C-alpha cells in the first residue's frame, strides 16, 4: 500500500507550468520530507494531490492504495484517507469547530450510521488537551480570530480526529513559536503508525528535528532532484540550496 506519483505535471489553470514530472512513492508507514527553495512547487504539489480547483493536471498519474487519485473528487479523496494541513488555514465563519469536525467525521461513516456524540466529545477534548488547546475552542468558529499558532494546532486537531491514511503537512511550522512547534510536532508523532504516512513540506530543519523523516526529497523547478536521509537536511541547513546548481546543470 502506498501513494505513487508518476511523471506528474501540473500548472495553474490557464497559466504557467509548475510541476514538471514529479516521481515519488510514499510507502505506508513512512514519513517523507519535501524541501526546496521558494517557487519550486512544494505547495502546488500538495494542492494538486488534494484536488484544488485552481490547478490543472497536464500529465502523469497518482494512485493511492491502488486507486486513481486524480479521478476522484475532492470529497472522495478526503474520504479515501487523504488529509492536507494548510500552509494558511482558512477561516469558516459561523461554523463551530465541534460542528465542523463532527460533520467531517459523519461524512466518512456508512449510510445510516451516526457519530456517537458522547464518544465524539470525549475524543475531541482528549486531543485538545494533548495539543494544549482550551476546550472553549470547540464553540468558536473554525479558525476565526485564531492566532497563527492556534490555527496550526487546530489543523492538527482535525487530523487527529479524522485519522487519515496519508497526511500532507504544508509548512505546518510557519508562524509557530518554539513551544507551539514542540506541541504540534508531538501531536504528529503520536499519530505515526505502520498504517499511516506523512508528507512533511518545510523549509527548515527545526521541524524535522522533531518530526524525524525516513526519507528526504529536494524539489526544484517542479521536479524531485535529490533524495536522501537526514544528512540531506543537515546539508541544507548548513549550506542552503547552492548544490542545486550542479543538479540542474
C-alpha atoms as a PDB file:
ATOM      1  CA  UNK A   1       0.000   0.000   0.000  1.00  0.00           C
ATOM      2  CA  UNK A   2       1.423   3.366  -0.945  1.00  0.00           C
ATOM      3  CA  UNK A   3       0.937   6.727  -2.601  1.00  0.00           C
ATOM      4  CA  UNK A   4       2.596   6.548  -6.008  1.00  0.00           C
ATOM      5  CA  UNK A   5       3.192   9.640  -8.144  1.00  0.00           C
ATOM      6  CA  UNK A   6       4.475   9.087 -11.686  1.00  0.00           C
ATOM      7  CA  UNK A   7       5.638  11.861 -14.022  1.00  0.00           C
ATOM      8  CA  UNK A   8       3.105  14.291 -12.542  1.00  0.00           C
ATOM      9  CA  UNK A   9       2.846  17.563 -14.450  1.00  0.00           C
ATOM     10  CA  UNK A  10       0.538  20.417 -13.493  1.00  0.00           C
ATOM     11  CA  UNK A  11       0.009  24.115 -13.977  1.00  0.00           C
ATOM     12  CA  UNK A  12      -2.085  26.949 -12.717  1.00  0.00           C
ATOM     13  CA  UNK A  13      -5.280  26.910 -14.785  1.00  0.00           C
ATOM     14  CA  UNK A  14      -4.670  28.998 -17.907  1.00  0.00           C
ATOM     15  CA  UNK A  15      -1.219  29.768 -16.534  1.00  0.00           C
ATOM     16  CA  UNK A  16       2.351  28.604 -16.236  1.00  0.00           C
ATOM     17  CA  UNK A  17       3.591  25.041 -15.726  1.00  0.00           C
ATOM     18  CA  UNK A  18       4.727  24.420 -12.151  1.00  0.00           C
ATOM     19  CA  UNK A  19       5.147  20.653 -11.756  1.00  0.00           C
ATOM     20  CA  UNK A  20       7.344  19.185 -14.481  1.00  0.00           C
ATOM     21  CA  UNK A  21       7.432  15.443 -13.955  1.00  0.00           C
ATOM     22  CA  UNK A  22       7.234  14.523 -10.261  1.00  0.00           C
ATOM     23  CA  UNK A  23       8.165  10.915  -9.468  1.00  0.00           C
ATOM     24  CA  UNK A  24       7.613   9.936  -5.858  1.00  0.00           C
ATOM     25  CA  UNK A  25       6.496   6.917  -3.844  1.00  0.00           C
ATOM     26  CA  UNK A  26       5.363   7.168  -0.222  1.00  0.00           C
ATOM     27  CA  UNK A  27       5.016   3.661   1.258  1.00  0.00           C
ATOM     28  CA  UNK A  28       2.572   3.108   4.077  1.00  0.00           C
ATOM     29  CA  UNK A  29       4.055   3.882   7.486  1.00  0.00           C
ATOM     30  CA  UNK A  30       6.785   6.259   6.315  1.00  0.00           C
ATOM     31  CA  UNK A  31       7.404   9.964   6.821  1.00  0.00           C
ATOM     32  CA  UNK A  32       8.811  11.753   3.785  1.00  0.00           C
ATOM     33  CA  UNK A  33      10.042  15.349   3.953  1.00  0.00           C
ATOM     34  CA  UNK A  34       9.981  17.614   0.910  1.00  0.00           C
ATOM     35  CA  UNK A  35      12.285  20.626   0.944  1.00  0.00           C
ATOM     36  CA  UNK A  36      13.189  23.146  -1.713  1.00  0.00           C
ATOM     37  CA  UNK A  37      13.610  26.835  -2.460  1.00  0.00           C
ATOM     38  CA  UNK A  38      10.682  29.215  -2.793  1.00  0.00           C
ATOM     39  CA  UNK A  39       8.749  28.698  -6.013  1.00  0.00           C
ATOM     40  CA  UNK A  40       9.923  25.120  -6.512  1.00  0.00           C
ATOM     41  CA  UNK A  41       6.384  23.680  -6.475  1.00  0.00           C
ATOM     42  CA  UNK A  42       6.085  22.283  -2.954  1.00  0.00           C
ATOM     43  CA  UNK A  43       2.714  23.796  -2.065  1.00  0.00           C
ATOM     44  CA  UNK A  44       1.464  23.250  -5.613  1.00  0.00           C
ATOM     45  CA  UNK A  45       2.150  19.534  -5.232  1.00  0.00           C
ATOM     46  CA  UNK A  46       0.099  19.386  -2.031  1.00  0.00           C
ATOM     47  CA  UNK A  47      -2.804  21.248  -3.625  1.00  0.00           C
ATOM     48  CA  UNK A  48      -2.769  19.144  -6.784  1.00  0.00           C
ATOM     49  CA  UNK A  49      -2.854  15.932  -4.743  1.00  0.00           C
ATOM     50  CA  UNK A  50      -5.902  17.218  -2.859  1.00  0.00           C
ATOM     51  CA  UNK A  51      -7.712  18.402  -5.999  1.00  0.00           C
ATOM     52  CA  UNK A  52      -7.519  22.194  -5.646  1.00  0.00           C
ATOM     53  CA  UNK A  53      -9.601  23.708  -8.488  1.00  0.00           C
ATOM     54  CA  UNK A  54      -7.024  26.396  -9.332  1.00  0.00           C
ATOM     55  CA  UNK A  55      -4.629  23.775 -10.725  1.00  0.00           C
ATOM     56  CA  UNK A  56      -4.808  21.577 -13.816  1.00  0.00           C
ATOM     57  CA  UNK A  57      -3.019  18.244 -14.183  1.00  0.00           C
ATOM     58  CA  UNK A  58      -1.432  18.079 -17.626  1.00  0.00           C
ATOM     59  CA  UNK A  59       0.258  14.695 -17.387  1.00  0.00           C
ATOM     60  CA  UNK A  60       1.198  11.729 -15.243  1.00  0.00           C
ATOM     61  CA  UNK A  61      -0.687   9.670 -12.689  1.00  0.00           C
ATOM     62  CA  UNK A  62      -1.266   9.366  -8.942  1.00  0.00           C
ATOM     63  CA  UNK A  63      -2.521   6.235  -7.225  1.00  0.00           C
ATOM     64  CA  UNK A  64      -3.339   5.905  -3.550  1.00  0.00           C
ATOM     65  CA  UNK A  65      -3.505   2.310  -2.338  1.00  0.00           C
ATOM     66  CA  UNK A  66      -4.208   1.266  -5.904  1.00  0.00           C
ATOM     67  CA  UNK A  67      -6.963   3.823  -6.528  1.00  0.00           C
ATOM     68  CA  UNK A  68      -6.718   6.517  -9.210  1.00  0.00           C
ATOM     69  CA  UNK A  69      -6.498   9.610  -7.037  1.00  0.00           C
ATOM     70  CA  UNK A  70      -6.792  12.072  -9.911  1.00  0.00           C
ATOM     71  CA  UNK A  71     -10.140  10.584 -10.942  1.00  0.00           C
ATOM     72  CA  UNK A  72     -11.665  11.344  -7.535  1.00  0.00           C
ATOM     73  CA  UNK A  73     -13.470  14.483  -6.428  1.00  0.00           C
ATOM     74  CA  UNK A  74     -12.044  16.471  -3.522  1.00  0.00           C
ATOM     75  CA  UNK A  75     -14.563  14.873  -1.146  1.00  0.00           C
ATOM     76  CA  UNK A  76     -13.755  11.390  -2.409  1.00  0.00           C
ATOM     77  CA  UNK A  77     -10.035  11.946  -1.864  1.00  0.00           C
ATOM     78  CA  UNK A  78     -10.690  13.020   1.697  1.00  0.00           C
ATOM     79  CA  UNK A  79     -12.995  10.098   2.446  1.00  0.00           C
ATOM     80  CA  UNK A  80     -10.424   7.726   0.940  1.00  0.00           C
ATOM     81  CA  UNK A  81      -7.939   8.850   3.595  1.00  0.00           C
ATOM     82  CA  UNK A  82      -6.070  11.907   2.269  1.00  0.00           C
ATOM     83  CA  UNK A  83      -5.623  14.940   4.530  1.00  0.00           C
ATOM     84  CA  UNK A  84      -3.998  18.335   3.997  1.00  0.00           C
ATOM     85  CA  UNK A  85      -2.877  20.649   6.799  1.00  0.00           C
ATOM     86  CA  UNK A  86      -2.789  24.014   5.073  1.00  0.00           C
ATOM     87  CA  UNK A  87       0.101  26.437   4.993  1.00  0.00           C
ATOM     88  CA  UNK A  88      -2.518  29.139   5.565  1.00  0.00           C
ATOM     89  CA  UNK A  89      -5.533  27.541   7.313  1.00  0.00           C
ATOM     90  CA  UNK A  90      -8.815  29.045   6.162  1.00  0.00           C
ATOM     91  CA  UNK A  91     -11.441  30.604   8.389  1.00  0.00           C
ATOM     92  CA  UNK A  92     -15.017  29.291   8.313  1.00  0.00           C
ATOM     93  CA  UNK A  93     -17.229  31.952   9.922  1.00  0.00           C
ATOM     94  CA  UNK A  94     -20.450  30.784  11.531  1.00  0.00           C
ATOM     95  CA  UNK A  95     -19.425  27.128  11.842  1.00  0.00           C
ATOM     96  CA  UNK A  96     -18.150  25.957  15.200  1.00  0.00           C
ATOM     97  CA  UNK A  97     -15.075  23.763  15.480  1.00  0.00           C
ATOM     98  CA  UNK A  98     -17.103  20.975  17.062  1.00  0.00           C
ATOM     99  CA  UNK A  99     -19.823  21.021  14.395  1.00  0.00           C
ATOM    100  CA  UNK A 100     -17.256  21.200  11.602  1.00  0.00           C
ATOM    101  CA  UNK A 101     -15.339  18.166  12.832  1.00  0.00           C
ATOM    102  CA  UNK A 102     -18.450  16.195  13.669  1.00  0.00           C
ATOM    103  CA  UNK A 103     -19.796  16.785  10.143  1.00  0.00           C
ATOM    104  CA  UNK A 104     -16.457  15.722   8.633  1.00  0.00           C
ATOM    105  CA  UNK A 105     -16.473  12.507  10.671  1.00  0.00           C
ATOM    106  CA  UNK A 106     -20.122  11.855   9.838  1.00  0.00           C
ATOM    107  CA  UNK A 107     -19.309  12.103   6.119  1.00  0.00           C
ATOM    108  CA  UNK A 108     -16.908   9.186   6.496  1.00  0.00           C
ATOM    109  CA  UNK A 109     -19.457   6.802   8.031  1.00  0.00           C
ATOM    110  CA  UNK A 110     -21.561   4.325   6.058  1.00  0.00           C
ATOM    111  CA  UNK A 111     -25.069   5.476   5.216  1.00  0.00           C
ATOM    112  CA  UNK A 112     -27.388   5.091   8.183  1.00  0.00           C
ATOM    113  CA  UNK A 113     -24.671   5.331  10.842  1.00  0.00           C
ATOM    114  CA  UNK A 114     -24.229   8.368  13.087  1.00  0.00           C
ATOM    115  CA  UNK A 115     -21.359   9.781  15.104  1.00  0.00           C
ATOM    116  CA  UNK A 116     -21.793   8.927  18.774  1.00  0.00           C
ATOM    117  CA  UNK A 117     -21.980  12.339  20.469  1.00  0.00           C
ATOM    118  CA  UNK A 118     -20.598  11.251  23.845  1.00  0.00           C
ATOM    119  CA  UNK A 119     -17.635   9.415  22.325  1.00  0.00           C
ATOM    120  CA  UNK A 120     -17.026  12.283  19.890  1.00  0.00           C
ATOM    121  CA  UNK A 121     -16.733  14.963  22.581  1.00  0.00           C
ATOM    122  CA  UNK A 122     -14.614  12.727  24.788  1.00  0.00           C
ATOM    123  CA  UNK A 123     -12.198  12.125  21.929  1.00  0.00           C
ATOM    124  CA  UNK A 124     -12.216  15.791  20.866  1.00  0.00           C
ATOM    125  CA  UNK A 125     -11.453  17.108  24.345  1.00  0.00           C
ATOM    126  CA  UNK A 126      -8.765  14.482  24.848  1.00  0.00           C
ATOM    127  CA  UNK A 127      -6.932  15.554  21.693  1.00  0.00           C
ATOM    128  CA  UNK A 128      -7.353  19.219  22.579  1.00  0.00           C
ATOM    129  CA  UNK A 129      -5.681  18.542  25.903  1.00  0.00           C
ATOM    130  CA  UNK A 130      -2.778  16.856  24.083  1.00  0.00           C
ATOM    131  CA  UNK A 131      -2.381  19.985  21.931  1.00  0.00           C
ATOM    132  CA  UNK A 132      -2.704  22.426  24.814  1.00  0.00           C
ATOM    133  CA  UNK A 133      -5.953  23.866  23.445  1.00  0.00           C
ATOM    134  CA  UNK A 134      -8.657  25.325  25.667  1.00  0.00           C
ATOM    135  CA  UNK A 135     -11.939  23.410  25.312  1.00  0.00           C
ATOM    136  CA  UNK A 136     -13.656  26.747  24.670  1.00  0.00           C
ATOM    137  CA  UNK A 137     -12.317  26.426  21.128  1.00  0.00           C
ATOM    138  CA  UNK A 138     -14.984  23.784  20.445  1.00  0.00           C
ATOM    139  CA  UNK A 139     -17.643  26.524  20.327  1.00  0.00           C
ATOM    140  CA  UNK A 140     -15.587  29.041  18.333  1.00  0.00           C
ATOM    141  CA  UNK A 141     -15.956  29.397  14.567  1.00  0.00           C
ATOM    142  CA  UNK A 142     -13.306  27.442  12.660  1.00  0.00           C
ATOM    143  CA  UNK A 143     -10.054  29.444  12.775  1.00  0.00           C
ATOM    144  CA  UNK A 144     -11.909  32.780  13.058  1.00  0.00           C
ATOM    145  CA  UNK A 145      -9.880  35.145  15.220  1.00  0.00           C
ATOM    146  CA  UNK A 146      -7.284  32.421  15.909  1.00  0.00           C
ATOM    147  CA  UNK A 147      -3.605  33.298  16.076  1.00  0.00           C
ATOM    148  CA  UNK A 148      -1.275  31.655  13.560  1.00  0.00           C
ATOM    149  CA  UNK A 149      -0.206  29.062  16.118  1.00  0.00           C
ATOM    150  CA  UNK A 150      -3.800  28.337  17.140  1.00  0.00           C
ATOM    151  CA  UNK A 151      -4.758  27.752  13.521  1.00  0.00           C
ATOM    152  CA  UNK A 152      -1.933  25.254  13.089  1.00  0.00           C
ATOM    153  CA  UNK A 153      -2.893  23.407  16.269  1.00  0.00           C
ATOM    154  CA  UNK A 154      -6.470  23.322  15.026  1.00  0.00           C
ATOM    155  CA  UNK A 155      -5.339  21.726  11.763  1.00  0.00           C
ATOM    156  CA  UNK A 156      -3.502  19.026  13.698  1.00  0.00           C
ATOM    157  CA  UNK A 157      -6.582  18.563  15.887  1.00  0.00           C
ATOM    158  CA  UNK A 158      -8.648  17.925  12.761  1.00  0.00           C
ATOM    159  CA  UNK A 159      -6.070  15.404  11.589  1.00  0.00           C
ATOM    160  CA  UNK A 160      -6.119  13.613  14.938  1.00  0.00           C
ATOM    161  CA  UNK A 161      -9.907  13.376  14.812  1.00  0.00           C
ATOM    162  CA  UNK A 162     -10.133  12.224  11.188  1.00  0.00           C
ATOM    163  CA  UNK A 163      -7.281   9.684  11.389  1.00  0.00           C
ATOM    164  CA  UNK A 164      -6.234   9.831   7.698  1.00  0.00           C
ATOM    165  CA  UNK A 165      -4.098   7.237   5.962  1.00  0.00           C
ATOM    166  CA  UNK A 166      -1.983   9.871   4.184  1.00  0.00           C
ATOM    167  CA  UNK A 167      -1.406  13.290   5.744  1.00  0.00           C
ATOM    168  CA  UNK A 168       0.247  16.199   3.952  1.00  0.00           C
ATOM    169  CA  UNK A 169       1.636  18.898   6.233  1.00  0.00           C
ATOM    170  CA  UNK A 170       2.281  22.017   4.156  1.00  0.00           C
ATOM    171  CA  UNK A 171       4.702  24.236   6.116  1.00  0.00           C
ATOM    172  CA  UNK A 172       2.953  23.461   9.382  1.00  0.00           C
ATOM    173  CA  UNK A 173       5.895  25.062  11.215  1.00  0.00           C
ATOM    174  CA  UNK A 174       5.404  28.539   9.736  1.00  0.00           C
ATOM    175  CA  UNK A 175       4.227  31.034  12.334  1.00  0.00           C
ATOM    176  CA  UNK A 176       4.873  28.734  15.296  1.00  0.00           C
ATOM    177  CA  UNK A 177       6.937  29.713  18.303  1.00  0.00           C
ATOM    178  CA  UNK A 178       9.214  27.147  19.934  1.00  0.00           C
ATOM    179  CA  UNK A 179       6.606  25.852  22.390  1.00  0.00           C
ATOM    180  CA  UNK A 180       3.840  25.573  19.785  1.00  0.00           C
ATOM    181  CA  UNK A 181       6.222  23.822  17.384  1.00  0.00           C
ATOM    182  CA  UNK A 182       7.029  21.215  20.006  1.00  0.00           C
ATOM    183  CA  UNK A 183       3.371  20.614  20.897  1.00  0.00           C
ATOM    184  CA  UNK A 184       2.259  20.365  17.261  1.00  0.00           C
ATOM    185  CA  UNK A 185       5.139  18.006  16.480  1.00  0.00           C
ATOM    186  CA  UNK A 186       4.264  15.810  19.445  1.00  0.00           C
ATOM    187  CA  UNK A 187       0.702  15.590  18.109  1.00  0.00           C
ATOM    188  CA  UNK A 188       2.009  14.473  14.723  1.00  0.00           C
ATOM    189  CA  UNK A 189       4.448  11.978  16.222  1.00  0.00           C
ATOM    190  CA  UNK A 190       1.670  10.468  18.335  1.00  0.00           C
ATOM    191  CA  UNK A 191      -0.095   9.585  15.071  1.00  0.00           C
ATOM    192  CA  UNK A 192       2.858   7.860  13.426  1.00  0.00           C
ATOM    193  CA  UNK A 193       1.861   4.268  12.760  1.00  0.00           C
ATOM    194  CA  UNK A 194       2.581   1.400  10.338  1.00  0.00           C
ATOM    195  CA  UNK A 195      -0.721   2.135   8.563  1.00  0.00           C
ATOM    196  CA  UNK A 196      -0.244   5.918   8.168  1.00  0.00           C
ATOM    197  CA  UNK A 197       2.117   8.012   6.052  1.00  0.00           C
ATOM    198  CA  UNK A 198       3.111  11.667   6.127  1.00  0.00           C
ATOM    199  CA  UNK A 199       4.444  14.136   3.582  1.00  0.00           C
ATOM    200  CA  UNK A 200       6.067  16.974   5.518  1.00  0.00           C
ATOM    201  CA  UNK A 201       6.733  20.087   3.434  1.00  0.00           C
ATOM    202  CA  UNK A 202       9.092  22.564   5.055  1.00  0.00           C
ATOM    203  CA  UNK A 203      11.941  24.996   4.529  1.00  0.00           C
ATOM    204  CA  UNK A 204      13.539  24.403   7.890  1.00  0.00           C
ATOM    205  CA  UNK A 205      15.421  21.783   9.858  1.00  0.00           C
ATOM    206  CA  UNK A 206      13.756  22.810  13.123  1.00  0.00           C
ATOM    207  CA  UNK A 207      10.519  20.975  12.279  1.00  0.00           C
ATOM    208  CA  UNK A 208      12.348  17.871  11.078  1.00  0.00           C
ATOM    209  CA  UNK A 209      14.351  17.752  14.308  1.00  0.00           C
ATOM    210  CA  UNK A 210      11.011  16.973  15.965  1.00  0.00           C
ATOM    211  CA  UNK A 211       9.277  15.017  13.188  1.00  0.00           C
ATOM    212  CA  UNK A 212      12.185  12.866  12.057  1.00  0.00           C
ATOM    213  CA  UNK A 213      11.620  11.808   8.429  1.00  0.00           C
ATOM    214  CA  UNK A 214      12.505   8.419   6.980  1.00  0.00           C
ATOM    215  CA  UNK A 215      13.330   9.937   3.584  1.00  0.00           C
ATOM    216  CA  UNK A 216      14.117  13.496   2.444  1.00  0.00           C
ATOM    217  CA  UNK A 217      13.437  14.828  -1.064  1.00  0.00           C
ATOM    218  CA  UNK A 218      14.521  18.108  -2.614  1.00  0.00           C
ATOM    219  CA  UNK A 219      12.135  19.696  -5.097  1.00  0.00           C
ATOM    220  CA  UNK A 220      13.408  22.244  -7.600  1.00  0.00           C
ATOM    221  CA  UNK A 221      11.732  23.702 -10.678  1.00  0.00           C
ATOM    222  CA  UNK A 222       8.880  21.241 -10.382  1.00  0.00           C
ATOM    223  CA  UNK A 223      10.974  18.055 -10.135  1.00  0.00           C
ATOM    224  CA  UNK A 224      12.475  15.894  -7.416  1.00  0.00           C
ATOM    225  CA  UNK A 225      16.187  16.443  -7.979  1.00  0.00           C
ATOM    226  CA  UNK A 226      17.704  14.745  -4.929  1.00  0.00           C
ATOM    227  CA  UNK A 227      16.662  12.129  -2.380  1.00  0.00           C
ATOM    228  CA  UNK A 228      18.486  11.047   0.753  1.00  0.00           C
ATOM    229  CA  UNK A 229      18.403  10.622   4.501  1.00  0.00           C
ATOM    230  CA  UNK A 230      18.581  13.144   7.319  1.00  0.00           C
ATOM    231  CA  UNK A 231      22.103  14.101   6.289  1.00  0.00           C
ATOM    232  CA  UNK A 232      20.461  15.971   3.414  1.00  0.00           C
ATOM    233  CA  UNK A 233      18.560  18.138   5.929  1.00  0.00           C
ATOM    234  CA  UNK A 234      21.823  18.900   7.734  1.00  0.00           C
ATOM    235  CA  UNK A 235      23.488  19.843   4.460  1.00  0.00           C
ATOM    236  CA  UNK A 236      20.673  22.224   3.504  1.00  0.00           C
ATOM    237  CA  UNK A 237      20.718  23.793   6.957  1.00  0.00           C
ATOM    238  CA  UNK A 238      24.445  24.425   6.678  1.00  0.00           C
ATOM    239  CA  UNK A 239      24.775  25.379   3.020  1.00  0.00           C
ATOM    240  CA  UNK A 240      21.308  26.212   1.685  1.00  0.00           C
ATOM    241  CA  UNK A 241      20.348  25.070  -1.802  1.00  0.00           C
ATOM    242  CA  UNK A 242      23.564  26.016  -3.587  1.00  0.00           C
ATOM    243  CA  UNK A 243      24.110  22.375  -4.545  1.00  0.00           C
ATOM    244  CA  UNK A 244      21.092  22.630  -6.860  1.00  0.00           C
ATOM    245  CA  UNK A 245      23.259  24.496  -9.359  1.00  0.00           C
ATOM    246  CA  UNK A 246      25.090  21.232 -10.015  1.00  0.00           C
ATOM    247  CA  UNK A 247      21.968  19.056 -10.210  1.00  0.00           C
ATOM    248  CA  UNK A 248      20.286  21.416 -12.675  1.00  0.00           C
ATOM    249  CA  UNK A 249      23.291  21.948 -14.900  1.00  0.00           C
END
